[in-house]
Amino acid sequence: MTIDEMKKRKGELGLTNEMLAEQSGVPLGTVQKIFAGITKAPRYTTILALERVLTPSSPEESPDRLSYSPSYNETDASVISDGAFSYLPRHSVPLTVEDILALPGEQRIELIDGIPYDMAPPSTLHQKTVTWLSYRFSDYIFQNRKPCSAYVSPVGVQLNHDDRTLLEPDLLILCDPEKVRSTHILGAPDLIVEVLSPATQIRDMTLKLYKYQDAGVREYWIIDTKNQRIIVYEFARTGLTHIYTFSDRVPVGIWDGSCSIDFNEFAEHAGSLLKDRGE
């Protein structure tokens, strides 16, 4: 959730800075600086605390969280849908990775702490971003004989052998082939990229960020096509967070900067899709 989105949500809920500080546990002075525009890049823990207050908590309010039936009979073949998204058999929660991998067909579901989340179909701009970046990574890997591989969604990632979490990053770089299984990847990739979309933005910037860092992912990129920026979390190398624009070259930390991605080239490649802000 961006600061502008937090401001909008704060207004919708009718919260004052004092109320938000009290409910989130964030000091009032910090809240005031964030919403006054003085603090441009709040710490992740601060953002997470604020979003816990500002983010819808019920399944009815959250469009990407699937509802579930606690009284499911496993012989019941009925299914539930979330709009035009994929389908998930009714099941009691928490679900496990085994439950998700056993789903028939091409259903795309992410599992976080036993709760299933439907994966909305990506936009054309989203797909173009992932495809273009995957090609750049793969070309560098091939030309420099790196012992790594690029994988694009849908591919499941099970972190920390956690049997209640299975994530589907948009793009990842894996340099340890021992982590590859026939159905998914078991263990932390070296680099993960998520392209923000309305349906996944909150998860990408909060829950998944925490999961990736905690599991030992070395580097995490969040690409925000709407605001034309790239947020890079260097968990392993420096511990720092960097923000780049679509006019910059972004160094790849897992390769010590020997590879960099020219996002100005991407902006030209995306053309009218980027101008239309398809996300």
Protein backbone atom coordinates (compact mmCIF):
# COMPACT_ATOMS: atom_id res chain seq x y z
CA MET A 1 0.00 0.00 0.00
CA THR A 2 1.49 3.36 -1.04
CA ILE A 3 1.34 6.43 1.19
CA ASP A 4 -1.28 7.99 -1.11
CA GLU A 5 -3.39 4.85 -0.81
CA MET A 6 -3.02 4.90 2.97
CA LYS A 7 -4.16 8.52 2.99
CA LYS A 8 -7.20 7.63 0.91
CA ARG A 9 -8.07 4.63 3.08
CA LYS A 10 -7.55 6.68 6.25
CA GLY A 11 -10.08 9.20 4.96
CA GLU A 12 -12.56 6.49 3.98
CA LEU A 13 -12.41 5.06 7.50
CA GLY A 14 -12.67 8.49 9.10
CA LEU A 15 -9.51 7.99 11.14
CA THR A 16 -7.50 10.83 12.66
CA ASN A 17 -3.74 10.65 13.11
CA GLU A 18 -4.32 10.16 16.83
CA MET A 19 -6.71 7.25 16.26
CA LEU A 20 -4.36 5.62 13.75
CA ALA A 21 -1.41 5.95 16.12
CA GLU A 22 -3.37 4.44 18.99
CA GLN A 23 -4.68 1.48 16.97
CA SER A 24 -1.40 0.71 15.16
CA GLY A 25 1.07 1.32 17.96
CA VAL A 26 3.09 3.66 15.73
CA PRO A 27 4.18 6.86 17.55
CA LEU A 28 1.94 9.83 16.78
CA GLY A 29 4.89 11.91 15.60
CA THR A 30 5.80 9.23 13.06
CA VAL A 31 2.22 9.01 11.80
CA GLN A 32 2.05 12.79 11.43
CA LYS A 33 5.31 12.92 9.47
CA ILE A 34 4.20 10.14 7.11
CA PHE A 35 0.84 11.70 6.27
CA ALA A 36 2.32 15.20 6.05
CA GLY A 37 4.77 13.97 3.43
CA ILE A 38 7.85 14.63 5.57
CA THR A 39 8.79 10.95 5.81
CA LYS A 40 8.98 9.65 2.22
CA ALA A 41 10.09 6.06 2.86
CA PRO A 42 8.77 4.66 6.16
CA ARG A 43 10.29 1.49 7.55
CA TYR A 44 8.66 -1.78 6.55
CA THR A 45 7.57 -2.52 10.11
CA THR A 46 5.88 0.89 10.27
CA ILE A 47 4.04 0.32 6.98
CA LEU A 48 2.94 -3.12 8.13
CA ALA A 49 1.60 -1.76 11.43
CA LEU A 50 -0.39 0.95 9.65
CA GLU A 51 -1.73 -1.45 7.05
CA ARG A 52 -3.03 -3.76 9.75
CA VAL A 53 -5.38 -0.93 10.71
CA LEU A 54 -6.11 0.35 7.21
CA THR A 55 -6.45 -2.95 5.34
CA PRO A 56 -9.86 -4.68 5.17
CA SER A 57 -9.89 -7.57 7.61
CA SER A 58 -12.99 -9.50 6.53
CA PRO A 59 -13.24 -11.76 3.47
CA GLU A 60 -16.16 -9.67 2.21
CA GLU A 61 -14.01 -6.52 2.13
CA SER A 62 -10.89 -8.12 0.65
CA PRO A 63 -11.37 -8.96 -3.06
CA ASP A 64 -8.42 -11.33 -3.41
CA ARG A 65 -8.99 -13.49 -0.34
CA LEU A 66 -11.03 -16.59 -1.03
CA SER A 67 -13.92 -17.49 1.21
CA TYR A 68 -14.06 -20.99 2.66
CA SER A 69 -16.45 -23.39 4.32
CA PRO A 70 -15.43 -24.76 7.74
CA SER A 71 -17.92 -27.61 7.41
CA TYR A 72 -16.69 -29.06 4.15
CA ASN A 73 -17.43 -32.69 3.39
CA GLU A 74 -14.56 -34.02 1.29
CA THR A 75 -16.96 -36.03 -0.86
CA ASP A 76 -18.77 -32.83 -1.84
CA ALA A 77 -17.78 -31.89 -5.39
CA SER A 78 -19.11 -28.35 -5.16
CA VAL A 79 -16.78 -25.44 -5.77
CA ILE A 80 -16.72 -21.75 -5.04
CA SER A 81 -15.55 -19.00 -7.34
CA ASP A 82 -14.34 -15.44 -6.84
CA GLY A 83 -15.76 -13.54 -9.78
CA ALA A 84 -14.08 -14.61 -13.00
CA PHE A 85 -11.09 -16.05 -11.18
CA SER A 86 -10.12 -19.66 -10.71
CA TYR A 87 -12.01 -22.18 -8.58
CA LEU A 88 -11.11 -23.86 -5.35
CA PRO A 89 -12.91 -26.90 -3.88
CA ARG A 90 -14.55 -26.16 -0.55
CA HIS A 91 -12.26 -27.16 2.27
CA SER A 92 -11.73 -26.43 5.91
CA VAL A 93 -8.74 -24.24 6.69
CA PRO A 94 -5.88 -24.12 7.23
CA LEU A 95 -4.98 -25.72 3.92
CA THR A 96 -1.61 -27.31 3.19
CA VAL A 97 0.78 -27.22 0.25
CA GLU A 98 -0.32 -30.77 -0.55
CA ASP A 99 -3.94 -29.56 -0.84
CA ILE A 100 -2.97 -26.85 -3.33
CA LEU A 101 -0.71 -29.10 -5.42
CA ALA A 102 -3.54 -31.64 -5.64
CA LEU A 103 -5.94 -29.15 -7.27
CA PRO A 104 -6.95 -30.19 -10.81
CA GLY A 105 -6.32 -28.19 -13.96
CA GLU A 106 -4.60 -24.84 -14.22
CA GLN A 107 -6.08 -23.24 -11.12
CA ARG A 108 -3.76 -20.58 -9.70
CA ILE A 109 -3.87 -20.29 -5.93
CA GLU A 110 -1.36 -18.84 -3.47
CA LEU A 111 -1.31 -20.22 0.05
CA ILE A 112 -0.14 -18.04 2.93
CA ASP A 113 -0.23 -19.47 6.46
CA GLY A 114 -2.94 -21.91 5.41
CA ILE A 115 -5.20 -19.28 3.83
CA PRO A 116 -5.83 -19.56 0.05
CA TYR A 117 -5.69 -16.48 -2.17
CA ASP A 118 -6.99 -16.46 -5.72
CA MET A 119 -4.59 -15.28 -8.44
CA ALA A 120 -6.29 -12.84 -10.80
CA PRO A 121 -5.36 -13.02 -14.51
CA PRO A 122 -2.45 -10.63 -15.22
CA SER A 123 -2.83 -7.60 -17.46
CA THR A 124 -0.99 -7.26 -20.76
CA LEU A 125 1.41 -4.73 -19.23
CA HIS A 126 2.08 -7.10 -16.35
CA GLN A 127 2.88 -9.92 -18.78
CA LYS A 128 5.08 -7.72 -20.95
CA THR A 129 7.05 -6.60 -17.90
CA VAL A 130 7.68 -10.15 -16.69
CA THR A 131 8.53 -11.47 -20.17
CA TRP A 132 10.94 -8.63 -20.95
CA LEU A 133 12.75 -8.90 -17.62
CA SER A 134 12.94 -12.69 -17.80
CA TYR A 135 14.61 -12.42 -21.20
CA ARG A 136 17.19 -9.95 -19.85
CA PHE A 137 18.02 -12.19 -16.89
CA SER A 138 18.17 -15.36 -19.00
CA ASP A 139 20.43 -13.73 -21.58
CA TYR A 140 22.86 -12.62 -18.87
CA ILE A 141 22.84 -16.09 -17.30
CA PHE A 142 23.57 -17.73 -20.67
CA GLN A 143 26.23 -15.26 -21.80
CA ASN A 144 28.10 -15.43 -18.49
CA ARG A 145 27.59 -19.14 -17.81
CA LYS A 146 26.00 -18.53 -14.43
CA PRO A 147 24.75 -21.65 -12.58
CA CYS A 148 21.30 -20.10 -12.30
CA SER A 149 17.90 -20.33 -13.98
CA ALA A 150 15.05 -17.86 -14.44
CA TYR A 151 11.51 -19.08 -13.75
CA VAL A 152 8.30 -17.20 -14.49
CA SER A 153 4.85 -17.66 -12.98
CA PRO A 154 3.11 -20.00 -12.55
CA VAL A 155 5.68 -21.87 -10.48
CA GLY A 156 5.08 -22.57 -6.80
CA VAL A 157 7.68 -21.76 -4.14
CA GLN A 158 7.55 -23.45 -0.75
CA LEU A 159 9.66 -21.48 1.73
CA ASN A 160 11.36 -22.89 4.83
CA HIS A 161 9.70 -26.30 4.30
CA ASP A 162 6.52 -24.55 5.51
CA ASP A 163 3.66 -26.87 4.57
CA ARG A 164 1.09 -24.08 4.86
CA THR A 165 2.66 -21.54 2.49
CA LEU A 166 3.08 -21.87 -1.27
CA LEU A 167 3.78 -18.64 -3.16
CA GLU A 168 3.79 -17.88 -6.89
CA PRO A 169 6.29 -15.08 -7.62
CA ASP A 170 5.99 -13.39 -11.00
CA LEU A 171 9.67 -14.09 -11.70
CA LEU A 172 12.53 -15.65 -9.79
CA ILE A 173 16.20 -16.49 -10.15
CA LEU A 174 17.36 -19.78 -8.63
CA CYS A 175 21.04 -20.72 -8.44
CA ASP A 176 20.68 -24.00 -6.54
CA PRO A 177 19.25 -26.79 -8.72
CA GLU A 178 18.86 -29.01 -5.64
CA LYS A 179 15.81 -26.94 -4.70
CA VAL A 180 13.90 -27.86 -7.87
CA ARG A 181 11.14 -30.44 -7.48
CA SER A 182 8.86 -31.82 -10.17
CA THR A 183 5.88 -29.82 -8.91
CA HIS A 184 7.44 -26.74 -7.30
CA ILE A 185 10.56 -25.16 -5.81
CA LEU A 186 11.45 -26.12 -2.25
CA GLY A 187 13.50 -23.44 -0.53
CA ALA A 188 14.35 -19.78 -1.00
CA PRO A 189 15.20 -18.49 -4.50
CA ASP A 190 18.12 -16.08 -4.81
CA LEU A 191 16.10 -13.24 -6.33
CA ILE A 192 12.35 -12.72 -6.58
CA VAL A 193 10.47 -10.15 -8.66
CA GLU A 194 6.83 -9.18 -8.15
CA VAL A 195 4.99 -6.82 -10.51
CA LEU A 196 2.34 -4.92 -8.60
CA SER A 197 -1.30 -5.24 -9.59
CA PRO A 198 -4.47 -4.08 -7.80
CA ALA A 199 -5.32 -7.64 -6.72
CA THR A 200 -1.91 -8.47 -5.19
CA GLN A 201 -0.34 -5.16 -4.20
CA ILE A 202 -0.97 -5.41 -0.47
CA ARG A 203 0.32 -9.00 -0.29
CA ASP A 204 3.39 -8.22 -2.39
CA MET A 205 4.41 -5.25 -0.22
CA THR A 206 3.65 -6.75 3.20
CA LEU A 207 3.00 -10.46 3.72
CA LYS A 208 5.19 -11.71 0.89
CA LEU A 209 7.97 -9.24 1.61
CA TYR A 210 8.15 -10.56 5.16
CA LYS A 211 7.96 -14.19 4.02
CA TYR A 212 10.74 -13.73 1.48
CA GLN A 213 13.06 -11.96 3.90
CA ASP A 214 12.42 -14.45 6.69
CA ALA A 215 13.09 -17.43 4.40
CA GLY A 216 16.47 -16.17 3.22
CA VAL A 217 15.70 -14.75 -0.23
CA ARG A 218 18.77 -12.70 -1.05
CA GLU A 219 17.10 -9.95 -3.07
CA TYR A 220 13.52 -8.83 -3.75
CA TRP A 221 12.34 -6.48 -6.48
CA ILE A 222 8.89 -4.87 -6.53
CA ILE A 223 8.05 -3.31 -9.89
CA ASP A 224 5.40 -0.60 -9.73
CA THR A 225 4.37 0.09 -13.33
CA LYS A 226 1.72 2.61 -12.29
CA ASN A 227 4.25 4.91 -10.62
CA GLN A 228 7.14 3.75 -12.85
CA ARG A 229 9.47 2.74 -10.07
CA ILE A 230 11.38 -0.30 -8.85
CA ILE A 231 11.83 -0.98 -5.14
CA VAL A 232 14.84 -3.21 -4.44
CA TYR A 233 15.35 -4.91 -1.09
CA GLU A 234 18.92 -6.21 -0.71
CA PHE A 235 18.29 -8.56 2.17
CA ALA A 236 21.64 -10.38 2.01
CA ARG A 237 24.25 -8.04 0.54
CA THR A 238 23.68 -4.67 2.23
CA GLY A 239 20.34 -4.90 4.03
CA LEU A 240 19.37 -1.66 2.31
CA THR A 241 16.29 -0.67 0.32
CA HIS A 242 16.71 1.26 -2.93
CA ILE A 243 14.11 3.00 -5.08
CA TYR A 244 14.74 3.43 -8.81
CA THR A 245 12.69 4.92 -11.63
CA PHE A 246 12.05 3.76 -15.18
CA SER A 247 14.85 6.12 -16.27
CA ASP A 248 17.48 4.18 -14.31
CA ARG A 249 19.71 1.16 -14.72
CA VAL A 250 19.09 -1.18 -11.80
CA PRO A 251 22.06 -3.28 -10.63
CA VAL A 252 21.41 -6.91 -9.73
CA GLY A 253 22.81 -7.41 -6.25
CA ILE A 254 23.03 -11.21 -6.31
CA TRP A 255 25.58 -10.83 -9.13
CA ASP A 256 27.41 -7.96 -7.38
CA GLY A 257 26.29 -5.43 -9.96
CA SER A 258 27.94 -7.18 -12.92
CA CYS A 259 24.45 -7.27 -14.43
CA SER A 260 22.20 -4.21 -14.57
CA ILE A 261 18.78 -3.77 -16.12
CA ASP A 262 18.04 -0.67 -18.22
CA PHE A 263 14.47 0.26 -17.38
CA ASN A 264 14.55 3.20 -19.76
CA GLU A 265 14.80 0.58 -22.49
CA PHE A 266 11.80 -1.17 -20.98
CA ALA A 267 9.80 2.08 -20.93
CA GLU A 268 10.44 2.47 -24.65
CA HIS A 269 9.57 -1.19 -25.25
CA ALA A 270 6.30 -1.02 -23.30
CA GLY A 271 5.24 2.12 -25.16
CA SER A 272 1.53 2.88 -25.09
CA LEU A 273 0.81 0.14 -22.54
CA LEU A 274 2.90 1.98 -19.99
CA LYS A 275 1.34 5.33 -20.88
CA ASP A 276 -2.10 3.81 -20.37
CA ARG A 277 -0.91 2.43 -17.00
CA GLY A 278 -2.53 -0.92 -17.69
CA GLU A 279 -2.19 -2.10 -14.06
